[in-house]
């Protein structure tokens, strides 16, 4: 069926929106819902994002929604969600069709597992940093809202950057009039409204806060109230990551502290430097001996022993001495008997 009106309820499976057939909801936020849908003309699964009915009447949010589609369409990188289509369907339904990611968000993984392994976070971090560096180098791209919810991990263990609603891309004029940010990951200059145009350092701060959250299991400045959290971002010293989670190597902790410096002039200055620093960390070795290593050691030791020539049997010297004494005694008795026999026969 075609829909001519939309409310805040979940769209029913089978609903058609501009040639996309709804299969099921896969995400729901305060501004939009995301559905798994089938693109009927190409027969492929897609993610269909639909702006809420209420916000479709708000020019600011409509502008942000359209900006996300335009920003995604501008960028072509394996670690950025690919854009396919966008528009307005009958019933004033704003939709954005994009690549469907079979997986889950980084936030969901943290919520389920707690702190994640440093090697894993380094791998995903390098992928996202490479995507952000590509965007900045080619289109002066800044994301504006990097956080664990906006990083998706697919079934091939590949990280994808999503939600470009606050992104700024060269030749796009979207600026917005409202201050929209996520306090847990917002840089001090963004909170103060002092973020410079085309300045990627606020993104680097948010990226560092995201890595911190993934490795510690909690954000660098936790809190339930936005004002409280933003005050911490502005004034409270950062608790080193290695203190929050002693299992995190000191090198990781030091790097993330550099990303979370409150003064942007003292922060890591660009994505190339972030990538180089992450690469320099190298994979962490686990300093334990596995059962497989122990078994291999035993096998090699056994093999070396079996390769040695067979040892000669040890001689029983006490047996030899006893035999020699008995032989001498027999000889002496024989000589004595011979002598006696000779005397008797004379």
C-alpha atoms as a PDB file:
ATOM      1  CA  UNK A   1       0.000   0.000   0.000  1.00  0.00           C
ATOM      2  CA  UNK A   2       1.100   3.596  -0.586  1.00  0.00           C
ATOM      3  CA  UNK A   3       1.082   5.865   2.455  1.00  0.00           C
ATOM      4  CA  UNK A   4      -0.267   9.419   2.218  1.00  0.00           C
ATOM      5  CA  UNK A   5       0.183  10.336   5.818  1.00  0.00           C
ATOM      6  CA  UNK A   6       2.710   9.688   8.519  1.00  0.00           C
ATOM      7  CA  UNK A   7       2.603   9.820  12.267  1.00  0.00           C
ATOM      8  CA  UNK A   8       5.194   9.000  14.910  1.00  0.00           C
ATOM      9  CA  UNK A   9       4.162   5.360  14.953  1.00  0.00           C
ATOM     10  CA  UNK A  10       6.328   2.688  13.384  1.00  0.00           C
ATOM     11  CA  UNK A  11       5.540   2.193   9.704  1.00  0.00           C
ATOM     12  CA  UNK A  12       3.974  -1.211   9.172  1.00  0.00           C
ATOM     13  CA  UNK A  13       5.819  -3.909   7.194  1.00  0.00           C
ATOM     14  CA  UNK A  14       4.746  -3.750   3.569  1.00  0.00           C
ATOM     15  CA  UNK A  15       4.268   0.035   3.537  1.00  0.00           C
ATOM     16  CA  UNK A  16       5.571   1.628   0.326  1.00  0.00           C
ATOM     17  CA  UNK A  17       7.502   4.885   0.426  1.00  0.00           C
ATOM     18  CA  UNK A  18       8.481   6.114  -3.027  1.00  0.00           C
ATOM     19  CA  UNK A  19       9.314   2.636  -4.338  1.00  0.00           C
ATOM     20  CA  UNK A  20      10.827   1.329  -1.094  1.00  0.00           C
ATOM     21  CA  UNK A  21       8.920  -1.392   0.751  1.00  0.00           C
ATOM     22  CA  UNK A  22       9.257  -1.351   4.534  1.00  0.00           C
ATOM     23  CA  UNK A  23      10.436  -4.659   6.052  1.00  0.00           C
ATOM     24  CA  UNK A  24      10.981  -3.689   9.692  1.00  0.00           C
ATOM     25  CA  UNK A  25      12.253  -0.914  11.937  1.00  0.00           C
ATOM     26  CA  UNK A  26      15.951  -1.113  12.824  1.00  0.00           C
ATOM     27  CA  UNK A  27      16.406   2.141  14.728  1.00  0.00           C
ATOM     28  CA  UNK A  28      14.426   4.969  16.231  1.00  0.00           C
ATOM     29  CA  UNK A  29      15.618   8.305  17.596  1.00  0.00           C
ATOM     30  CA  UNK A  30      14.117  11.622  18.622  1.00  0.00           C
ATOM     31  CA  UNK A  31      14.282  13.040  15.087  1.00  0.00           C
ATOM     32  CA  UNK A  32      13.873  10.087  12.734  1.00  0.00           C
ATOM     33  CA  UNK A  33      13.247   6.380  12.366  1.00  0.00           C
ATOM     34  CA  UNK A  34      15.365   4.004  10.291  1.00  0.00           C
ATOM     35  CA  UNK A  35      13.875   0.988   8.530  1.00  0.00           C
ATOM     36  CA  UNK A  36      15.199  -2.007   6.682  1.00  0.00           C
ATOM     37  CA  UNK A  37      13.461  -1.759   3.314  1.00  0.00           C
ATOM     38  CA  UNK A  38      13.518  -3.347  -0.120  1.00  0.00           C
ATOM     39  CA  UNK A  39      14.267  -1.150  -3.124  1.00  0.00           C
ATOM     40  CA  UNK A  40      11.783  -2.728  -5.499  1.00  0.00           C
ATOM     41  CA  UNK A  41      13.256  -1.660  -8.843  1.00  0.00           C
ATOM     42  CA  UNK A  42      16.726  -3.048  -8.001  1.00  0.00           C
ATOM     43  CA  UNK A  43      15.651  -5.768  -5.566  1.00  0.00           C
ATOM     44  CA  UNK A  44      18.204  -4.843  -2.900  1.00  0.00           C
ATOM     45  CA  UNK A  45      18.013  -4.243   0.837  1.00  0.00           C
ATOM     46  CA  UNK A  46      18.515  -0.638   1.909  1.00  0.00           C
ATOM     47  CA  UNK A  47      18.254   1.463   5.046  1.00  0.00           C
ATOM     48  CA  UNK A  48      15.467   4.021   4.799  1.00  0.00           C
ATOM     49  CA  UNK A  49      15.613   6.980   7.184  1.00  0.00           C
ATOM     50  CA  UNK A  50      12.375   8.926   7.637  1.00  0.00           C
ATOM     51  CA  UNK A  51      12.107  12.258   9.418  1.00  0.00           C
ATOM     52  CA  UNK A  52       9.441  12.412  12.120  1.00  0.00           C
ATOM     53  CA  UNK A  53       6.124  14.054  11.269  1.00  0.00           C
ATOM     54  CA  UNK A  54       6.571  16.827  13.813  1.00  0.00           C
ATOM     55  CA  UNK A  55      10.068  17.776  12.649  1.00  0.00           C
ATOM     56  CA  UNK A  56       9.080  17.679   9.003  1.00  0.00           C
ATOM     57  CA  UNK A  57       7.346  20.986   9.777  1.00  0.00           C
ATOM     58  CA  UNK A  58      10.573  22.479  11.196  1.00  0.00           C
ATOM     59  CA  UNK A  59      12.738  24.098   8.531  1.00  0.00           C
ATOM     60  CA  UNK A  60      15.898  23.698  10.637  1.00  0.00           C
ATOM     61  CA  UNK A  61      15.500  19.938  10.942  1.00  0.00           C
ATOM     62  CA  UNK A  62      14.416  19.527   7.332  1.00  0.00           C
ATOM     63  CA  UNK A  63      17.573  21.396   6.311  1.00  0.00           C
ATOM     64  CA  UNK A  64      19.672  19.161   8.530  1.00  0.00           C
ATOM     65  CA  UNK A  65      17.993  16.047   7.110  1.00  0.00           C
ATOM     66  CA  UNK A  66      18.617  17.084   3.519  1.00  0.00           C
ATOM     67  CA  UNK A  67      22.172  18.082   4.425  1.00  0.00           C
ATOM     68  CA  UNK A  68      22.878  14.556   5.649  1.00  0.00           C
ATOM     69  CA  UNK A  69      21.883  13.097   2.289  1.00  0.00           C
ATOM     70  CA  UNK A  70      23.913  15.679   0.354  1.00  0.00           C
ATOM     71  CA  UNK A  71      27.004  15.204   2.531  1.00  0.00           C
ATOM     72  CA  UNK A  72      26.848  11.421   2.210  1.00  0.00           C
ATOM     73  CA  UNK A  73      26.354  11.670  -1.553  1.00  0.00           C
ATOM     74  CA  UNK A  74      29.456  13.875  -1.824  1.00  0.00           C
ATOM     75  CA  UNK A  75      31.714  11.313  -0.121  1.00  0.00           C
ATOM     76  CA  UNK A  76      32.751   7.945  -1.514  1.00  0.00           C
ATOM     77  CA  UNK A  77      34.723   5.894   1.014  1.00  0.00           C
ATOM     78  CA  UNK A  78      34.395   2.305   2.183  1.00  0.00           C
ATOM     79  CA  UNK A  79      34.099   3.423   5.822  1.00  0.00           C
ATOM     80  CA  UNK A  80      31.368   6.017   5.236  1.00  0.00           C
ATOM     81  CA  UNK A  81      27.730   4.995   4.793  1.00  0.00           C
ATOM     82  CA  UNK A  82      26.895   5.277   1.095  1.00  0.00           C
ATOM     83  CA  UNK A  83      23.947   7.431   0.012  1.00  0.00           C
ATOM     84  CA  UNK A  84      21.561   6.172  -2.677  1.00  0.00           C
ATOM     85  CA  UNK A  85      18.546   8.469  -2.814  1.00  0.00           C
ATOM     86  CA  UNK A  86      16.633  11.193  -0.972  1.00  0.00           C
ATOM     87  CA  UNK A  87      13.457  13.150  -1.427  1.00  0.00           C
ATOM     88  CA  UNK A  88       9.920  13.879  -0.289  1.00  0.00           C
ATOM     89  CA  UNK A  89       7.262  11.206  -0.718  1.00  0.00           C
ATOM     90  CA  UNK A  90       3.492  11.866  -0.818  1.00  0.00           C
ATOM     91  CA  UNK A  91       2.254  12.905   2.593  1.00  0.00           C
ATOM     92  CA  UNK A  92       5.224  15.230   3.212  1.00  0.00           C
ATOM     93  CA  UNK A  93       7.436  12.245   4.108  1.00  0.00           C
ATOM     94  CA  UNK A  94      11.114  13.177   4.006  1.00  0.00           C
ATOM     95  CA  UNK A  95      13.178  10.065   3.298  1.00  0.00           C
ATOM     96  CA  UNK A  96      16.832   9.269   2.845  1.00  0.00           C
ATOM     97  CA  UNK A  97      17.835   5.930   1.306  1.00  0.00           C
ATOM     98  CA  UNK A  98      21.291   4.630   2.149  1.00  0.00           C
ATOM     99  CA  UNK A  99      23.468   1.538   2.354  1.00  0.00           C
ATOM    100  CA  UNK A 100      22.134  -1.099   4.747  1.00  0.00           C
ATOM    101  CA  UNK A 101      24.717  -2.219   7.307  1.00  0.00           C
ATOM    102  CA  UNK A 102      24.204  -5.736   8.600  1.00  0.00           C
ATOM    103  CA  UNK A 103      25.609  -5.244  12.084  1.00  0.00           C
ATOM    104  CA  UNK A 104      25.290  -2.984  15.101  1.00  0.00           C
ATOM    105  CA  UNK A 105      26.571   0.278  16.515  1.00  0.00           C
ATOM    106  CA  UNK A 106      29.737   0.648  18.544  1.00  0.00           C
ATOM    107  CA  UNK A 107      27.526   1.852  21.416  1.00  0.00           C
ATOM    108  CA  UNK A 108      25.557  -1.397  21.357  1.00  0.00           C
ATOM    109  CA  UNK A 109      28.789  -3.384  21.575  1.00  0.00           C
ATOM    110  CA  UNK A 110      29.969  -1.311  24.554  1.00  0.00           C
ATOM    111  CA  UNK A 111      26.614  -1.720  26.315  1.00  0.00           C
ATOM    112  CA  UNK A 112      26.729  -5.481  25.842  1.00  0.00           C
ATOM    113  CA  UNK A 113      30.423  -6.184  26.479  1.00  0.00           C
ATOM    114  CA  UNK A 114      31.744  -3.267  28.532  1.00  0.00           C
ATOM    115  CA  UNK A 115      35.310  -2.104  27.741  1.00  0.00           C
ATOM    116  CA  UNK A 116      36.452  -3.434  24.365  1.00  0.00           C
ATOM    117  CA  UNK A 117      39.922  -4.837  23.505  1.00  0.00           C
ATOM    118  CA  UNK A 118      42.539  -2.204  22.588  1.00  0.00           C
ATOM    119  CA  UNK A 119      43.578  -4.017  19.393  1.00  0.00           C
ATOM    120  CA  UNK A 120      39.973  -4.081  18.181  1.00  0.00           C
ATOM    121  CA  UNK A 121      39.412  -0.398  18.929  1.00  0.00           C
ATOM    122  CA  UNK A 122      42.692   0.497  17.240  1.00  0.00           C
ATOM    123  CA  UNK A 123      41.565  -1.319  14.065  1.00  0.00           C
ATOM    124  CA  UNK A 124      38.148   0.358  13.980  1.00  0.00           C
ATOM    125  CA  UNK A 125      39.665   3.692  14.992  1.00  0.00           C
ATOM    126  CA  UNK A 126      42.099   3.589  12.071  1.00  0.00           C
ATOM    127  CA  UNK A 127      39.235   2.899   9.648  1.00  0.00           C
ATOM    128  CA  UNK A 128      37.124   5.802  10.912  1.00  0.00           C
ATOM    129  CA  UNK A 129      40.117   8.161  11.084  1.00  0.00           C
ATOM    130  CA  UNK A 130      40.989   7.252   7.496  1.00  0.00           C
ATOM    131  CA  UNK A 131      37.416   8.060   6.411  1.00  0.00           C
ATOM    132  CA  UNK A 132      37.499  11.409   8.224  1.00  0.00           C
ATOM    133  CA  UNK A 133      40.913  12.234   6.782  1.00  0.00           C
ATOM    134  CA  UNK A 134      39.668  11.410   3.275  1.00  0.00           C
ATOM    135  CA  UNK A 135      36.630  13.643   3.764  1.00  0.00           C
ATOM    136  CA  UNK A 136      38.660  16.524   5.145  1.00  0.00           C
ATOM    137  CA  UNK A 137      41.414  16.322   2.519  1.00  0.00           C
ATOM    138  CA  UNK A 138      39.030  16.076  -0.445  1.00  0.00           C
ATOM    139  CA  UNK A 139      35.996  18.128   0.638  1.00  0.00           C
ATOM    140  CA  UNK A 140      37.028  19.980   3.848  1.00  0.00           C
ATOM    141  CA  UNK A 141      34.519  17.670   5.535  1.00  0.00           C
ATOM    142  CA  UNK A 142      33.763  17.867   9.250  1.00  0.00           C
ATOM    143  CA  UNK A 143      31.273  15.469  10.836  1.00  0.00           C
ATOM    144  CA  UNK A 144      30.031  17.472  13.807  1.00  0.00           C
ATOM    145  CA  UNK A 145      28.628  14.591  15.870  1.00  0.00           C
ATOM    146  CA  UNK A 146      31.118  11.727  16.214  1.00  0.00           C
ATOM    147  CA  UNK A 147      30.012   9.299  18.942  1.00  0.00           C
ATOM    148  CA  UNK A 148      29.640   5.521  19.475  1.00  0.00           C
ATOM    149  CA  UNK A 149      26.026   5.578  18.207  1.00  0.00           C
ATOM    150  CA  UNK A 150      27.208   6.953  14.860  1.00  0.00           C
ATOM    151  CA  UNK A 151      29.811   4.271  14.193  1.00  0.00           C
ATOM    152  CA  UNK A 152      28.386   1.027  12.818  1.00  0.00           C
ATOM    153  CA  UNK A 153      30.254  -2.289  12.765  1.00  0.00           C
ATOM    154  CA  UNK A 154      29.161  -4.642   9.994  1.00  0.00           C
ATOM    155  CA  UNK A 155      29.254  -8.434   9.848  1.00  0.00           C
ATOM    156  CA  UNK A 156      32.741  -8.285   8.275  1.00  0.00           C
ATOM    157  CA  UNK A 157      34.121  -6.403  11.296  1.00  0.00           C
ATOM    158  CA  UNK A 158      34.356  -3.181   9.299  1.00  0.00           C
ATOM    159  CA  UNK A 159      33.575   0.200  10.859  1.00  0.00           C
ATOM    160  CA  UNK A 160      31.262   2.633   9.036  1.00  0.00           C
ATOM    161  CA  UNK A 161      30.686   6.303   9.838  1.00  0.00           C
ATOM    162  CA  UNK A 162      26.996   7.270   9.885  1.00  0.00           C
ATOM    163  CA  UNK A 163      24.656  10.207  10.600  1.00  0.00           C
ATOM    164  CA  UNK A 164      26.074  13.172   8.716  1.00  0.00           C
ATOM    165  CA  UNK A 165      23.206  15.496   9.656  1.00  0.00           C
ATOM    166  CA  UNK A 166      25.555  18.053  11.241  1.00  0.00           C
ATOM    167  CA  UNK A 167      28.330  17.551   8.706  1.00  0.00           C
ATOM    168  CA  UNK A 168      29.838  20.454   6.820  1.00  0.00           C
ATOM    169  CA  UNK A 169      31.144  19.876   3.318  1.00  0.00           C
ATOM    170  CA  UNK A 170      32.826  22.293   0.949  1.00  0.00           C
ATOM    171  CA  UNK A 171      30.333  24.082  -1.342  1.00  0.00           C
ATOM    172  CA  UNK A 172      27.387  23.245   0.944  1.00  0.00           C
ATOM    173  CA  UNK A 173      25.945  26.260   2.770  1.00  0.00           C
ATOM    174  CA  UNK A 174      24.224  24.438   5.634  1.00  0.00           C
ATOM    175  CA  UNK A 175      25.112  26.115   8.920  1.00  0.00           C
ATOM    176  CA  UNK A 176      22.009  25.814  11.102  1.00  0.00           C
ATOM    177  CA  UNK A 177      20.888  28.279  13.742  1.00  0.00           C
ATOM    178  CA  UNK A 178      20.455  25.974  16.723  1.00  0.00           C
ATOM    179  CA  UNK A 179      23.348  24.648  18.797  1.00  0.00           C
ATOM    180  CA  UNK A 180      23.024  20.889  18.303  1.00  0.00           C
ATOM    181  CA  UNK A 181      25.597  18.697  19.982  1.00  0.00           C
ATOM    182  CA  UNK A 182      26.014  15.584  22.104  1.00  0.00           C
ATOM    183  CA  UNK A 183      27.457  16.823  25.436  1.00  0.00           C
ATOM    184  CA  UNK A 184      29.306  13.576  26.281  1.00  0.00           C
ATOM    185  CA  UNK A 185      31.555  13.980  23.220  1.00  0.00           C
ATOM    186  CA  UNK A 186      31.441  17.730  22.534  1.00  0.00           C
ATOM    187  CA  UNK A 187      34.668  19.735  22.538  1.00  0.00           C
ATOM    188  CA  UNK A 188      34.969  22.829  24.759  1.00  0.00           C
ATOM    189  CA  UNK A 189      35.152  25.160  21.756  1.00  0.00           C
ATOM    190  CA  UNK A 190      31.992  23.629  20.302  1.00  0.00           C
ATOM    191  CA  UNK A 191      30.158  24.093  23.622  1.00  0.00           C
ATOM    192  CA  UNK A 192      31.299  27.724  23.732  1.00  0.00           C
ATOM    193  CA  UNK A 193      30.312  28.298  20.116  1.00  0.00           C
ATOM    194  CA  UNK A 194      33.915  29.092  19.173  1.00  0.00           C
ATOM    195  CA  UNK A 195      34.550  26.291  16.704  1.00  0.00           C
ATOM    196  CA  UNK A 196      36.225  27.756  13.642  1.00  0.00           C
ATOM    197  CA  UNK A 197      34.931  27.104  10.150  1.00  0.00           C
ATOM    198  CA  UNK A 198      36.580  24.114   8.460  1.00  0.00           C
ATOM    199  CA  UNK A 199      38.309  23.218  11.752  1.00  0.00           C
ATOM    200  CA  UNK A 200      38.564  19.462  12.232  1.00  0.00           C
ATOM    201  CA  UNK A 201      39.935  19.641  15.787  1.00  0.00           C
ATOM    202  CA  UNK A 202      36.473  19.488  17.403  1.00  0.00           C
ATOM    203  CA  UNK A 203      35.926  16.225  15.493  1.00  0.00           C
ATOM    204  CA  UNK A 204      39.291  14.960  16.784  1.00  0.00           C
ATOM    205  CA  UNK A 205      38.126  15.706  20.346  1.00  0.00           C
ATOM    206  CA  UNK A 206      34.843  13.829  19.791  1.00  0.00           C
ATOM    207  CA  UNK A 207      36.766  10.950  18.197  1.00  0.00           C
ATOM    208  CA  UNK A 208      39.064  10.781  21.249  1.00  0.00           C
ATOM    209  CA  UNK A 209      36.051  10.796  23.587  1.00  0.00           C
ATOM    210  CA  UNK A 210      34.530   7.957  21.564  1.00  0.00           C
ATOM    211  CA  UNK A 211      37.703   5.854  21.786  1.00  0.00           C
ATOM    212  CA  UNK A 212      37.903   6.603  25.516  1.00  0.00           C
ATOM    213  CA  UNK A 213      34.305   5.403  25.994  1.00  0.00           C
ATOM    214  CA  UNK A 214      34.971   2.209  24.032  1.00  0.00           C
ATOM    215  CA  UNK A 215      38.119   1.350  26.020  1.00  0.00           C
ATOM    216  CA  UNK A 216      36.867   2.413  29.458  1.00  0.00           C
ATOM    217  CA  UNK A 217      33.235   1.331  29.137  1.00  0.00           C
ATOM    218  CA  UNK A 218      32.101   4.848  30.101  1.00  0.00           C
ATOM    219  CA  UNK A 219      32.550   8.352  28.624  1.00  0.00           C
ATOM    220  CA  UNK A 220      35.443  10.552  29.781  1.00  0.00           C
ATOM    221  CA  UNK A 221      33.027  12.905  31.590  1.00  0.00           C
ATOM    222  CA  UNK A 222      29.920  10.910  32.589  1.00  0.00           C
ATOM    223  CA  UNK A 223      26.703  12.540  33.708  1.00  0.00           C
ATOM    224  CA  UNK A 224      22.935  12.534  33.245  1.00  0.00           C
ATOM    225  CA  UNK A 225      22.390  16.271  32.916  1.00  0.00           C
ATOM    226  CA  UNK A 226      23.615  18.077  29.786  1.00  0.00           C
ATOM    227  CA  UNK A 227      24.655  21.196  31.724  1.00  0.00           C
ATOM    228  CA  UNK A 228      26.623  19.114  34.228  1.00  0.00           C
ATOM    229  CA  UNK A 229      28.465  17.233  31.489  1.00  0.00           C
ATOM    230  CA  UNK A 230      29.269  20.360  29.495  1.00  0.00           C
ATOM    231  CA  UNK A 231      30.631  22.019  32.628  1.00  0.00           C
ATOM    232  CA  UNK A 232      32.932  19.038  33.115  1.00  0.00           C
ATOM    233  CA  UNK A 233      34.068  19.234  29.486  1.00  0.00           C
ATOM    234  CA  UNK A 234      34.991  22.891  30.035  1.00  0.00           C
ATOM    235  CA  UNK A 235      36.617  22.763  33.463  1.00  0.00           C
ATOM    236  CA  UNK A 236      37.217  19.304  34.924  1.00  0.00           C
ATOM    237  CA  UNK A 237      40.621  17.609  34.422  1.00  0.00           C
ATOM    238  CA  UNK A 238      40.520  14.389  32.423  1.00  0.00           C
ATOM    239  CA  UNK A 239      40.952  11.165  34.376  1.00  0.00           C
ATOM    240  CA  UNK A 240      43.661   9.276  32.436  1.00  0.00           C
ATOM    241  CA  UNK A 241      42.239   6.310  30.582  1.00  0.00           C
ATOM    242  CA  UNK A 242      44.816   3.960  32.116  1.00  0.00           C
ATOM    243  CA  UNK A 243      43.494   4.860  35.583  1.00  0.00           C
ATOM    244  CA  UNK A 244      39.869   4.310  34.581  1.00  0.00           C
ATOM    245  CA  UNK A 245      40.805   0.946  33.057  1.00  0.00           C
ATOM    246  CA  UNK A 246      44.240  -0.422  34.088  1.00  0.00           C
ATOM    247  CA  UNK A 247      44.095  -3.004  31.275  1.00  0.00           C
ATOM    248  CA  UNK A 248      44.532  -0.235  28.681  1.00  0.00           C
ATOM    249  CA  UNK A 249      48.203   0.244  27.658  1.00  0.00           C
ATOM    250  CA  UNK A 250      49.770   3.534  28.702  1.00  0.00           C
ATOM    251  CA  UNK A 251      50.527   4.409  25.063  1.00  0.00           C
ATOM    252  CA  UNK A 252      46.816   4.311  24.232  1.00  0.00           C
ATOM    253  CA  UNK A 253      45.983   6.397  27.288  1.00  0.00           C
ATOM    254  CA  UNK A 254      48.572   9.044  26.387  1.00  0.00           C
ATOM    255  CA  UNK A 255      47.359   9.337  22.795  1.00  0.00           C
ATOM    256  CA  UNK A 256      43.712   9.716  23.762  1.00  0.00           C
ATOM    257  CA  UNK A 257      44.665  12.334  26.372  1.00  0.00           C
ATOM    258  CA  UNK A 258      46.289  14.308  23.540  1.00  0.00           C
ATOM    259  CA  UNK A 259      43.041  14.186  21.583  1.00  0.00           C
ATOM    260  CA  UNK A 260      41.066  15.336  24.630  1.00  0.00           C
ATOM    261  CA  UNK A 261      43.145  18.399  25.450  1.00  0.00           C
ATOM    262  CA  UNK A 262      40.736  21.247  26.176  1.00  0.00           C
ATOM    263  CA  UNK A 263      42.763  23.855  24.293  1.00  0.00           C
ATOM    264  CA  UNK A 264      42.466  23.018  20.570  1.00  0.00           C
ATOM    265  CA  UNK A 265      45.905  24.544  19.930  1.00  0.00           C
ATOM    266  CA  UNK A 266      47.454  21.902  22.202  1.00  0.00           C
ATOM    267  CA  UNK A 267      45.427  19.051  20.710  1.00  0.00           C
ATOM    268  CA  UNK A 268      46.519  16.775  17.849  1.00  0.00           C
ATOM    269  CA  UNK A 269      46.002  19.100  14.902  1.00  0.00           C
ATOM    270  CA  UNK A 270      44.871  16.948  11.972  1.00  0.00           C
ATOM    271  CA  UNK A 271      43.709  13.492  10.916  1.00  0.00           C
ATOM    272  CA  UNK A 272      47.009  12.552   9.311  1.00  0.00           C
ATOM    273  CA  UNK A 273      48.694  12.948  12.703  1.00  0.00           C
ATOM    274  CA  UNK A 274      45.926  10.898  14.346  1.00  0.00           C
ATOM    275  CA  UNK A 275      46.396   8.067  11.827  1.00  0.00           C
ATOM    276  CA  UNK A 276      50.180   8.086  12.225  1.00  0.00           C
ATOM    277  CA  UNK A 277      49.829   7.948  16.016  1.00  0.00           C
ATOM    278  CA  UNK A 278      47.367   5.043  15.871  1.00  0.00           C
ATOM    279  CA  UNK A 279      49.606   3.146  13.479  1.00  0.00           C
ATOM    280  CA  UNK A 280      52.598   3.761  15.727  1.00  0.00           C
ATOM    281  CA  UNK A 281      50.803   2.080  18.637  1.00  0.00           C
ATOM    282  CA  UNK A 282      51.005  -1.259  16.831  1.00  0.00           C
ATOM    283  CA  UNK A 283      49.016  -4.329  17.842  1.00  0.00           C
ATOM    284  CA  UNK A 284      49.360  -5.290  21.494  1.00  0.00           C
ATOM    285  CA  UNK A 285      50.855  -8.693  22.258  1.00  0.00           C
ATOM    286  CA  UNK A 286      49.296 -10.771  24.996  1.00  0.00           C
ATOM    287  CA  UNK A 287      52.155 -11.829  27.334  1.00  0.00           C
ATOM    288  CA  UNK A 288      50.802 -15.265  28.194  1.00  0.00           C
ATOM    289  CA  UNK A 289      51.760 -18.795  27.176  1.00  0.00           C
ATOM    290  CA  UNK A 290      48.822 -20.549  25.579  1.00  0.00           C
ATOM    291  CA  UNK A 291      47.971 -24.225  26.019  1.00  0.00           C
ATOM    292  CA  UNK A 292      48.759 -24.716  22.327  1.00  0.00           C
ATOM    293  CA  UNK A 293      52.278 -23.304  22.873  1.00  0.00           C
ATOM    294  CA  UNK A 294      52.801 -25.621  25.854  1.00  0.00           C
ATOM    295  CA  UNK A 295      51.657 -28.643  23.820  1.00  0.00           C
ATOM    296  CA  UNK A 296      53.970 -27.641  20.951  1.00  0.00           C
ATOM    297  CA  UNK A 297      56.922 -27.361  23.360  1.00  0.00           C
ATOM    298  CA  UNK A 298      56.223 -30.846  24.729  1.00  0.00           C
ATOM    299  CA  UNK A 299      55.933 -32.256  21.208  1.00  0.00           C
ATOM    300  CA  UNK A 300      59.256 -30.763  20.127  1.00  0.00           C
ATOM    301  CA  UNK A 301      61.001 -31.960  23.300  1.00  0.00           C
ATOM    302  CA  UNK A 302      59.647 -35.466  22.776  1.00  0.00           C
ATOM    303  CA  UNK A 303      60.752 -35.397  19.137  1.00  0.00           C
ATOM    304  CA  UNK A 304      64.304 -34.385  20.094  1.00  0.00           C
ATOM    305  CA  UNK A 305      64.519 -37.243  22.590  1.00  0.00           C
ATOM    306  CA  UNK A 306      63.316 -39.798  20.055  1.00  0.00           C
ATOM    307  CA  UNK A 307      65.977 -38.617  17.564  1.00  0.00           C
ATOM    308  CA  UNK A 308      68.880 -39.480  19.927  1.00  0.00           C
ATOM    309  CA  UNK A 309      70.746 -42.861  19.386  1.00  0.00           C
ATOM    310  CA  UNK A 310      69.677 -45.595  21.813  1.00  0.00           C
ATOM    311  CA  UNK A 311      71.771 -45.581  24.957  1.00  0.00           C
ATOM    312  CA  UNK A 312      74.048 -48.557  25.578  1.00  0.00           C
ATOM    313  CA  UNK A 313      72.857 -50.786  28.422  1.00  0.00           C
ATOM    314  CA  UNK A 314      74.717 -50.214  31.652  1.00  0.00           C
ATOM    315  CA  UNK A 315      77.077 -53.050  32.638  1.00  0.00           C
ATOM    316  CA  UNK A 316      76.601 -54.792  35.953  1.00  0.00           C
ATOM    317  CA  UNK A 317      80.145 -54.655  37.383  1.00  0.00           C
ATOM    318  CA  UNK A 318      79.260 -56.504  40.592  1.00  0.00           C
ATOM    319  CA  UNK A 319      78.120 -59.469  38.526  1.00  0.00           C
ATOM    320  CA  UNK A 320      81.424 -59.511  36.555  1.00  0.00           C
ATOM    321  CA  UNK A 321      83.591 -59.392  39.685  1.00  0.00           C
ATOM    322  CA  UNK A 322      81.602 -62.230  41.264  1.00  0.00           C
ATOM    323  CA  UNK A 323      81.973 -64.408  38.167  1.00  0.00           C
ATOM    324  CA  UNK A 324      85.737 -63.836  38.015  1.00  0.00           C
ATOM    325  CA  UNK A 325      86.164 -64.741  41.713  1.00  0.00           C
ATOM    326  CA  UNK A 326      84.194 -67.979  41.247  1.00  0.00           C
ATOM    327  CA  UNK A 327      86.341 -68.961  38.242  1.00  0.00           C
ATOM    328  CA  UNK A 328      89.570 -68.397  40.207  1.00  0.00           C
ATOM    329  CA  UNK A 329      88.190 -70.424  43.093  1.00  0.00           C
ATOM    330  CA  UNK A 330      87.376 -73.334  40.765  1.00  0.00           C
ATOM    331  CA  UNK A 331      90.895 -73.196  39.293  1.00  0.00           C
ATOM    332  CA  UNK A 332      92.474 -73.216  42.760  1.00  0.00           C
ATOM    333  CA  UNK A 333      90.404 -76.221  43.840  1.00  0.00           C
ATOM    334  CA  UNK A 334      91.340 -78.062  40.651  1.00  0.00           C
ATOM    335  CA  UNK A 335      95.056 -77.402  41.231  1.00  0.00           C
ATOM    336  CA  UNK A 336      94.767 -78.552  44.845  1.00  0.00           C
ATOM    337  CA  UNK A 337      92.943 -81.749  43.891  1.00  0.00           C
ATOM    338  CA  UNK A 338      95.557 -82.449  41.225  1.00  0.00           C
ATOM    339  CA  UNK A 339      98.355 -82.092  43.719  1.00  0.00           C
ATOM    340  CA  UNK A 340      96.682 -84.384  46.268  1.00  0.00           C
ATOM    341  CA  UNK A 341      95.901 -86.971  43.610  1.00  0.00           C
ATOM    342  CA  UNK A 342      99.540 -86.954  42.505  1.00  0.00           C
ATOM    343  CA  UNK A 343     100.814 -87.635  46.012  1.00  0.00           C
ATOM    344  CA  UNK A 344      98.479 -90.565  46.459  1.00  0.00           C
ATOM    345  CA  UNK A 345      99.628 -92.241  43.293  1.00  0.00           C
ATOM    346  CA  UNK A 346     103.372 -92.119  44.060  1.00  0.00           C
END
